[in-house]
Every structure is written in structure tokens, then in C-alpha cells.
Amino acid sequence: MSDDAMSSQLANGSSAADQGVVGQAEAPASVVNTPHRIVSPRVISISSGKGGVGKTFMSVHLAAHAAKAGQRVLLIDADLGLANVDVMLGIHSSGTMRNLLTGTEPLEDLIVHCPQGFDVLPGGSGLYELTNLNVSEQQTILDSLREAGEHYDLILIDTAAGIGDNVLYFASAAETALVVLTPDPTSLTDAYALIKVLSQQRGVRRFMVLINQTDEIDGHITFKRLLSVTDRYLDVYLDYIGHVPQHPSVRKAIQQQRLLNDNDPALRPYLDKLFDHVLSRPRDASRSGGLQFFWEHTLSAGLDDDSDEVSVNSSLQAQSVS
């Protein structure tokens, strides 16, 4: 499809998003609920195509929200080169994921319990050797987290930004992938690229979408722009969780290395509503049999043909400035 044709499609309201389906695209056949009882921990990855969109901020607040609701939560800082969950929370750890991979410390000794009621597995900052895990290291993490999963109801994986190997590895481990973006054209384009690679290379079909630093109207517009292109080019299911407005209290909380106050009138209502939506969504039984690290399948998977990438990116950018 040419750029002009895609623009015409959007103008004529021919996409699913413009036909009243604002919250989601049609779910593929793989996203179905089966009658068997699910007892494994729920695993949600939080990712973004572009850095600086508030991904880690959402991760730590989602963890705190779930813990407050009575769930046993483990937050994994999977940005193994530039980890910052511990910095944002003001916590300290005697080790990082590198200690687990080298066998110098077991997983239970690396996990830090936060005063907010959830556990954190720190990543590692400035550790270049962790930015691309090899097969053996992936298997070590897989085995350790499978055992740890027995002690938690919810596991959150805060990945790095972008489409690096570690991001794809951890995001494809999740039952559901939550993608955070802003209305910024580059964030929108990079979010599409992340969804495309995860769906085509790792078989991820279900995505929750959260639009940060925006108002309600622009949040819906941004989601509809993303949905109109994924509907055309990808076989995925997008579930719009909602938006979070931009507010100075976020920067203040980050600078003070703390979470937002529970009684914060500006943002807490938005966050609580969003996180209730995330936790109340039906589980995807086709991917809920434990941590879904499909590393054997993805190691041999190559990049799909990117011949349509230029036209898609141009369309997204044109929509963003229209």
C-alpha cells in the first residue's frame, strides 16, 4: 500500500480503529481462553521502542499497585546494560544478574525486598557483557526464574528500550507484552517496529498499549494511528489500556527516588485505573503455562523482509504531524 492510499484509508475511516473499535483489534485465533485452571504466575513484560517514555516508571508503579492488592510480585530489571529500577526506588543490592550468570550468588540472594511490598531482581548498569546474552546465559536465567516463579503470583519484566536481542528474549518470555509509548512521532514509529519484530520473529500476538505523557484525546488518536498500521501489516491484537497525562510530580518523584504518593490527586487516579485494567484483563491461556522463554525457536529465526518498512514509517510520521 502506498503512502497516499494509507492516508486515504485513514481519512475515510476504513480502519478497525475508526469503525468504533478504539480499544482493540480483532484477536487472532491463538488468543483464546481454555477451560483448564491456570496456576502459574502471570508474566507481563513492559517494553518500549524508544527510551525516555516512562517505561520503568510504569513498571515500578504497576508492581506496587499489584502488591497493594495482595499479590506476590517480582519485578525483574531486564535492562542488563543500563538498569535503573534500583536507582528509581532508591534500593541497594549486593549483586546483579551477572552474579547469577557467573554462579557466584544464587537467585534468592540477589532478590531485594522493597518497602512497597514487592521484590526486585536487579539488572546491571554499565555491564556491556550483559547486553547480549548467549544461549547458555539465557538458559541459566530461564532455569532460575522458573524456580522463582513458584513463589509469586505476578512477574513483571522491565526490558530495555528498542529491539535488541535481550529485549526480544525477555519480552517473548511473557504471557502478555505491555508497550509504552508517547504521541511523539519517533516513539510511535519505534513502538510499531517493536511490535513488528516481536510478532514476526518471536510469535508474540497480544499487546497491551499504554500512551504516556498525553491527554485523553491525543491518547486515543495516537493509538488509532498505531492500530491502523498494525491492522494493515501485522497479525496482532492490540488492547488499549489508556493514557497518563504529563505532570511535574513524576519528575519530582523520580528525582527523590520514590513512588508517587498514594493520595497524589494529579496522577494516582489515572495510574490506579490503568493498572486495574492491566490486572483484570483475561489471561491468555495459550501462553500461560509458566515463563514462556521460546529461546530454542527464536535463536534460528532471521529478520523478515523489511521491504515495507520505509512506507510504514513514513505513514506513521505523516499521521503524527497531520
Protein backbone atom coordinates (compact mmCIF):
# COMPACT_ATOMS: atom_id res chain seq x y z
CA MET A 1 0.00 0.00 0.00
CA SER A 2 1.32 3.44 -0.94
CA ASP A 3 1.52 6.35 1.48
CA ASP A 4 -1.33 8.11 -0.38
CA ALA A 5 -3.53 5.03 -0.18
CA MET A 6 -2.89 4.62 3.52
CA SER A 7 -3.66 8.28 4.16
CA SER A 8 -6.90 7.87 2.20
CA GLN A 9 -7.76 4.83 4.33
CA LEU A 10 -7.33 6.86 7.50
CA ALA A 11 -9.26 9.82 6.14
CA ASN A 12 -12.17 7.61 5.06
CA GLY A 13 -12.26 5.84 8.43
CA SER A 14 -11.77 2.40 6.91
CA SER A 15 -9.52 1.01 9.64
CA ALA A 16 -10.83 -1.04 12.54
CA ALA A 17 -9.90 1.77 14.88
CA ASP A 18 -12.11 4.25 13.02
CA GLN A 19 -15.07 1.87 12.94
CA GLY A 20 -15.63 2.14 16.67
CA VAL A 21 -13.06 -0.41 17.78
CA VAL A 22 -10.94 2.00 19.77
CA GLY A 23 -9.79 -0.41 22.43
CA GLN A 24 -8.61 -3.36 20.41
CA ALA A 25 -8.05 -5.01 17.09
CA GLU A 26 -9.51 -8.38 16.22
CA ALA A 27 -7.84 -11.08 18.27
CA PRO A 28 -6.07 -13.85 16.35
CA ALA A 29 -7.22 -17.39 16.85
CA SER A 30 -4.31 -18.13 19.20
CA VAL A 31 -5.67 -15.73 21.84
CA VAL A 32 -8.38 -17.87 23.37
CA ASN A 33 -9.29 -18.98 26.84
CA THR A 34 -9.34 -22.68 27.56
CA PRO A 35 -11.28 -24.28 30.39
CA HIS A 36 -8.27 -25.64 32.30
CA ARG A 37 -7.27 -23.89 35.52
CA ILE A 38 -4.21 -21.65 35.30
CA VAL A 39 -1.97 -21.81 38.35
CA SER A 40 1.32 -20.44 37.05
CA PRO A 41 2.33 -16.84 37.78
CA ARG A 42 1.20 -14.23 35.33
CA VAL A 43 4.15 -12.79 33.39
CA ILE A 44 3.94 -9.32 31.84
CA SER A 45 6.79 -7.60 30.03
CA ILE A 46 6.90 -3.81 29.91
CA SER A 47 8.75 -2.55 26.84
CA SER A 48 9.11 0.47 24.59
CA GLY A 49 10.54 1.10 21.17
CA LYS A 50 12.11 4.35 22.33
CA GLY A 51 13.77 5.28 25.60
CA GLY A 52 12.55 8.05 27.85
CA VAL A 53 8.83 7.34 27.52
CA GLY A 54 8.24 6.33 31.15
CA LYS A 55 8.53 2.55 30.84
CA THR A 56 10.38 1.93 34.11
CA PHE A 57 8.18 4.44 35.94
CA MET A 58 5.14 2.39 34.88
CA SER A 59 6.85 -0.86 35.82
CA VAL A 60 7.60 0.08 39.42
CA HIS A 61 4.18 1.62 39.99
CA LEU A 62 2.42 -1.39 38.50
CA ALA A 63 4.43 -3.63 40.83
CA ALA A 64 3.47 -1.51 43.84
CA HIS A 65 -0.18 -1.44 42.80
CA ALA A 66 -0.36 -5.22 42.44
CA ALA A 67 1.43 -5.75 45.76
CA LYS A 68 -1.01 -3.41 47.47
CA ALA A 69 -3.82 -5.54 46.06
CA GLY A 70 -2.34 -8.57 47.82
CA GLN A 71 -0.37 -10.19 45.02
CA ARG A 72 3.14 -11.58 45.46
CA VAL A 73 5.13 -9.63 42.88
CA LEU A 74 8.62 -9.96 41.42
CA LEU A 75 9.89 -7.10 39.24
CA ILE A 76 12.83 -8.10 37.04
CA ASP A 77 15.07 -5.30 35.83
CA ALA A 78 15.92 -6.78 32.44
CA ASP A 79 17.78 -3.76 31.11
CA LEU A 80 21.04 -5.55 31.74
CA GLY A 81 23.29 -2.81 30.42
CA LEU A 82 21.59 0.31 31.75
CA ALA A 83 19.49 -0.95 34.64
CA ASN A 84 17.77 1.72 36.70
CA VAL A 85 14.90 0.18 38.67
CA ASP A 86 17.09 0.16 41.79
CA VAL A 87 18.02 3.81 41.21
CA MET A 88 14.39 4.84 40.81
CA LEU A 89 13.42 3.04 44.01
CA GLY A 90 16.49 4.08 45.98
CA ILE A 91 17.40 0.49 46.85
CA HIS A 92 20.78 -1.22 47.01
CA SER A 93 21.81 -4.75 46.14
CA SER A 94 24.96 -6.72 46.86
CA GLY A 95 24.87 -8.24 43.39
CA THR A 96 23.33 -8.12 39.94
CA MET A 97 22.27 -10.52 37.22
CA ARG A 98 25.97 -11.02 36.45
CA ASN A 99 26.41 -12.82 39.78
CA LEU A 100 23.66 -15.22 38.78
CA LEU A 101 25.26 -15.92 35.41
CA THR A 102 28.71 -16.46 36.88
CA GLY A 103 27.36 -18.69 39.63
CA THR A 104 28.80 -16.57 42.44
CA GLU A 105 25.40 -15.96 44.05
CA PRO A 106 22.08 -17.83 43.84
CA LEU A 107 18.94 -16.06 42.72
CA GLU A 108 17.43 -15.87 46.20
CA ASP A 109 20.41 -13.88 47.46
CA LEU A 110 20.08 -11.32 44.67
CA ILE A 111 16.40 -10.54 45.14
CA VAL A 112 15.74 -7.34 47.11
CA HIS A 113 12.51 -6.81 49.01
CA CYS A 114 11.17 -3.26 48.68
CA PRO A 115 9.27 -1.39 51.40
CA GLN A 116 6.45 -1.01 48.87
CA GLY A 117 5.73 -4.72 49.22
CA PHE A 118 7.25 -6.29 46.12
CA ASP A 119 10.56 -7.94 45.24
CA VAL A 120 13.13 -6.75 42.71
CA LEU A 121 15.75 -8.70 40.79
CA PRO A 122 18.33 -6.01 39.88
CA GLY A 123 19.91 -5.92 36.43
CA GLY A 124 23.28 -4.30 35.93
CA SER A 125 24.39 -0.81 34.95
CA GLY A 126 27.43 -0.30 32.75
CA LEU A 127 27.90 -4.04 32.22
CA TYR A 128 28.48 -4.28 28.48
CA GLU A 129 28.96 -8.03 28.58
CA LEU A 130 25.32 -8.44 29.63
CA THR A 131 23.85 -6.51 26.72
CA ASN A 132 23.77 -9.63 24.52
CA LEU A 133 23.20 -12.87 26.41
CA ASN A 134 24.43 -16.06 24.81
CA VAL A 135 22.47 -19.31 24.71
CA SER A 136 23.98 -20.69 27.91
CA GLU A 137 23.26 -17.47 29.82
CA GLN A 138 19.69 -17.40 28.56
CA GLN A 139 19.18 -20.96 29.77
CA THR A 140 20.67 -20.14 33.18
CA ILE A 141 18.22 -17.27 33.63
CA LEU A 142 15.37 -19.41 32.36
CA ASP A 143 16.04 -22.19 34.85
CA SER A 144 16.41 -19.79 37.78
CA LEU A 145 13.25 -17.84 37.01
CA ARG A 146 11.19 -20.97 36.54
CA GLU A 147 12.04 -21.97 40.09
CA ALA A 148 11.43 -18.45 41.44
CA GLY A 149 8.05 -18.35 39.72
CA GLU A 150 6.66 -20.81 42.24
CA HIS A 151 6.76 -18.09 44.90
CA TYR A 152 4.97 -15.31 43.01
CA ASP A 153 1.55 -14.51 41.59
CA LEU A 154 2.84 -11.88 39.17
CA ILE A 155 6.21 -11.43 37.46
CA LEU A 156 6.91 -8.12 35.71
CA ILE A 157 9.84 -7.83 33.30
CA ASP A 158 11.07 -4.27 32.72
CA THR A 159 13.03 -4.66 29.48
CA ALA A 160 15.44 -2.27 27.82
CA ALA A 161 14.12 0.04 25.13
CA GLY A 162 14.43 -0.89 21.47
CA ILE A 163 14.58 -4.20 19.63
CA GLY A 164 17.86 -5.68 20.87
CA ASP A 165 18.33 -9.40 21.42
CA ASN A 166 17.79 -9.15 25.17
CA VAL A 167 14.56 -7.20 24.69
CA LEU A 168 13.20 -9.82 22.30
CA TYR A 169 14.30 -12.63 24.59
CA PHE A 170 12.64 -11.27 27.73
CA ALA A 171 9.54 -9.90 26.01
CA SER A 172 8.86 -13.25 24.36
CA ALA A 173 9.06 -14.84 27.80
CA ALA A 174 5.93 -13.01 28.84
CA GLU A 175 2.35 -14.11 28.70
CA THR A 176 1.47 -10.54 27.69
CA ALA A 177 3.58 -7.68 26.38
CA LEU A 178 2.77 -4.15 27.54
CA VAL A 179 4.12 -1.48 25.18
CA VAL A 180 4.57 2.07 26.49
CA LEU A 181 4.83 5.00 24.08
CA THR A 182 4.11 8.70 23.76
CA PRO A 183 2.48 10.67 20.92
CA ASP A 184 5.94 11.72 19.74
CA PRO A 185 6.38 10.57 16.09
CA THR A 186 9.63 8.74 16.82
CA SER A 187 8.08 6.94 19.78
CA LEU A 188 5.11 5.90 17.65
CA THR A 189 7.32 4.63 14.83
CA ASP A 190 9.63 2.76 17.21
CA ALA A 191 6.66 1.19 19.01
CA TYR A 192 5.45 -0.17 15.68
CA ALA A 193 8.92 -1.54 14.95
CA LEU A 194 8.99 -3.30 18.34
CA ILE A 195 5.56 -4.85 17.80
CA LYS A 196 6.51 -5.93 14.29
CA VAL A 197 9.72 -7.66 15.32
CA LEU A 198 8.16 -9.38 18.33
CA SER A 199 5.25 -10.64 16.25
CA GLN A 200 7.21 -11.76 13.21
CA GLN A 201 10.36 -13.11 14.90
CA ARG A 202 9.06 -14.33 18.26
CA GLY A 203 5.41 -15.14 17.61
CA VAL A 204 4.03 -12.61 20.10
CA ARG A 205 0.48 -11.79 19.05
CA ARG A 206 -1.08 -9.95 22.01
CA PHE A 207 -0.01 -6.47 23.10
CA MET A 208 -1.32 -4.07 25.70
CA VAL A 209 -0.72 -0.43 24.73
CA LEU A 210 -0.30 2.47 27.15
CA ILE A 211 0.10 6.05 25.92
CA ASN A 212 2.09 8.21 28.35
CA GLN A 213 2.56 11.98 28.65
CA THR A 214 -0.66 12.92 26.86
CA ASP A 215 -4.31 13.77 27.33
CA GLU A 216 -7.31 11.57 26.62
CA ILE A 217 -7.97 12.84 23.09
CA ASP A 218 -4.36 12.61 21.88
CA GLY A 219 -4.05 9.25 23.59
CA HIS A 220 -6.90 7.83 21.52
CA ILE A 221 -5.60 9.48 18.35
CA THR A 222 -2.12 8.01 18.89
CA PHE A 223 -3.50 4.54 19.50
CA LYS A 224 -5.72 4.73 16.41
CA ARG A 225 -2.70 5.71 14.29
CA LEU A 226 -0.76 2.73 15.57
CA LEU A 227 -3.72 0.41 15.17
CA SER A 228 -4.46 1.49 11.60
CA VAL A 229 -0.96 0.45 10.51
CA THR A 230 -0.72 -2.78 12.52
CA ASP A 231 -4.14 -3.78 11.15
CA ARG A 232 -2.79 -3.39 7.65
CA TYR A 233 0.60 -5.07 8.01
CA LEU A 234 0.60 -7.34 11.06
CA ASP A 235 -1.42 -10.19 12.55
CA VAL A 236 -1.59 -8.89 16.13
CA TYR A 237 -4.10 -7.98 18.82
CA LEU A 238 -3.75 -4.50 20.36
CA ASP A 239 -5.52 -3.79 23.64
CA TYR A 240 -5.64 -0.09 24.53
CA ILE A 241 -5.14 0.26 28.28
CA GLY A 242 -5.36 4.04 28.44
CA HIS A 243 -3.34 7.22 28.84
CA VAL A 244 -1.38 9.04 31.55
CA PRO A 245 -1.10 12.84 31.47
CA GLN A 246 2.21 14.61 31.77
CA HIS A 247 2.76 16.19 35.19
CA PRO A 248 5.69 17.71 37.14
CA SER A 249 5.05 15.34 40.06
CA VAL A 250 6.52 12.50 38.00
CA ARG A 251 9.89 14.18 37.60
CA LYS A 252 9.87 15.18 41.27
CA ALA A 253 9.21 11.60 42.39
CA ILE A 254 12.00 10.27 40.14
CA GLN A 255 14.46 12.84 41.42
CA GLN A 256 13.60 11.94 45.02
CA GLN A 257 13.86 8.18 44.22
CA ARG A 258 10.38 7.38 45.47
CA LEU A 259 6.98 6.35 44.17
CA LEU A 260 4.16 8.81 43.74
CA ASN A 261 2.18 9.37 46.91
CA ASP A 262 -0.97 7.26 47.19
CA ASN A 263 -3.01 10.43 47.60
CA ASP A 264 -1.46 12.27 44.65
CA PRO A 265 -4.53 13.95 43.10
CA ALA A 266 -2.92 14.59 39.71
CA LEU A 267 -1.84 11.13 38.59
CA ARG A 268 -2.80 8.42 41.06
CA PRO A 269 -6.38 8.15 39.75
CA TYR A 270 -5.07 7.61 36.21
CA LEU A 271 -2.46 5.07 37.30
CA ASP A 272 -4.84 3.12 39.55
CA LYS A 273 -7.40 2.89 36.75
CA LEU A 274 -4.79 1.80 34.21
CA PHE A 275 -3.27 -0.82 36.44
CA ASP A 276 -6.68 -2.20 37.38
CA HIS A 277 -7.30 -2.62 33.66
CA VAL A 278 -3.98 -4.42 33.19
CA LEU A 279 -4.52 -6.84 36.07
CA SER A 280 -8.18 -7.51 35.24
CA ARG A 281 -7.59 -8.44 31.61
CA PRO A 282 -8.31 -12.12 30.92
CA ARG A 283 -5.21 -14.27 30.85
CA ASP A 284 -4.00 -15.69 27.56
CA ALA A 285 -4.18 -19.41 28.28
CA SER A 286 -2.20 -20.25 25.13
CA ARG A 287 0.87 -18.56 26.70
CA SER A 288 0.24 -19.04 30.42
CA GLY A 289 1.98 -22.33 31.15
CA GLY A 290 4.81 -20.63 33.00
CA LEU A 291 7.65 -18.44 31.79
CA GLN A 292 7.48 -18.71 28.02
CA PHE A 293 11.14 -18.35 27.06
CA PHE A 294 10.91 -19.62 23.48
CA TRP A 295 14.64 -19.38 23.04
CA GLU A 296 15.08 -22.57 21.02
CA HIS A 297 12.68 -21.26 18.38
CA THR A 298 13.99 -17.74 18.24
CA LEU A 299 17.71 -18.47 18.09
CA SER A 300 17.41 -19.58 14.48
CA ALA A 301 14.81 -17.03 13.45
CA GLY A 302 16.09 -14.45 10.99
CA LEU A 303 14.82 -11.00 10.17
CA ASP A 304 11.76 -10.98 7.94
CA ASP A 305 11.70 -8.98 4.75
CA ASP A 306 11.64 -5.28 5.64
CA SER A 307 10.62 -4.07 2.20
CA ASP A 308 7.51 -2.37 3.59
CA GLU A 309 9.31 -0.65 6.46
CA VAL A 310 10.07 2.64 4.73
CA SER A 311 6.46 3.21 3.64
CA VAL A 312 5.09 2.24 7.06
CA ASN A 313 7.45 4.55 8.93
CA SER A 314 6.70 7.42 6.55
CA SER A 315 2.97 6.85 7.05
CA LEU A 316 3.23 6.86 10.83
CA GLN A 317 5.29 10.04 10.80
CA ALA A 318 2.89 11.73 8.38
CA GLN A 319 -0.05 10.82 10.61
CA SER A 320 1.72 12.14 13.68
CA VAL A 321 2.19 15.61 12.23
CA SER A 322 -1.17 15.81 10.47
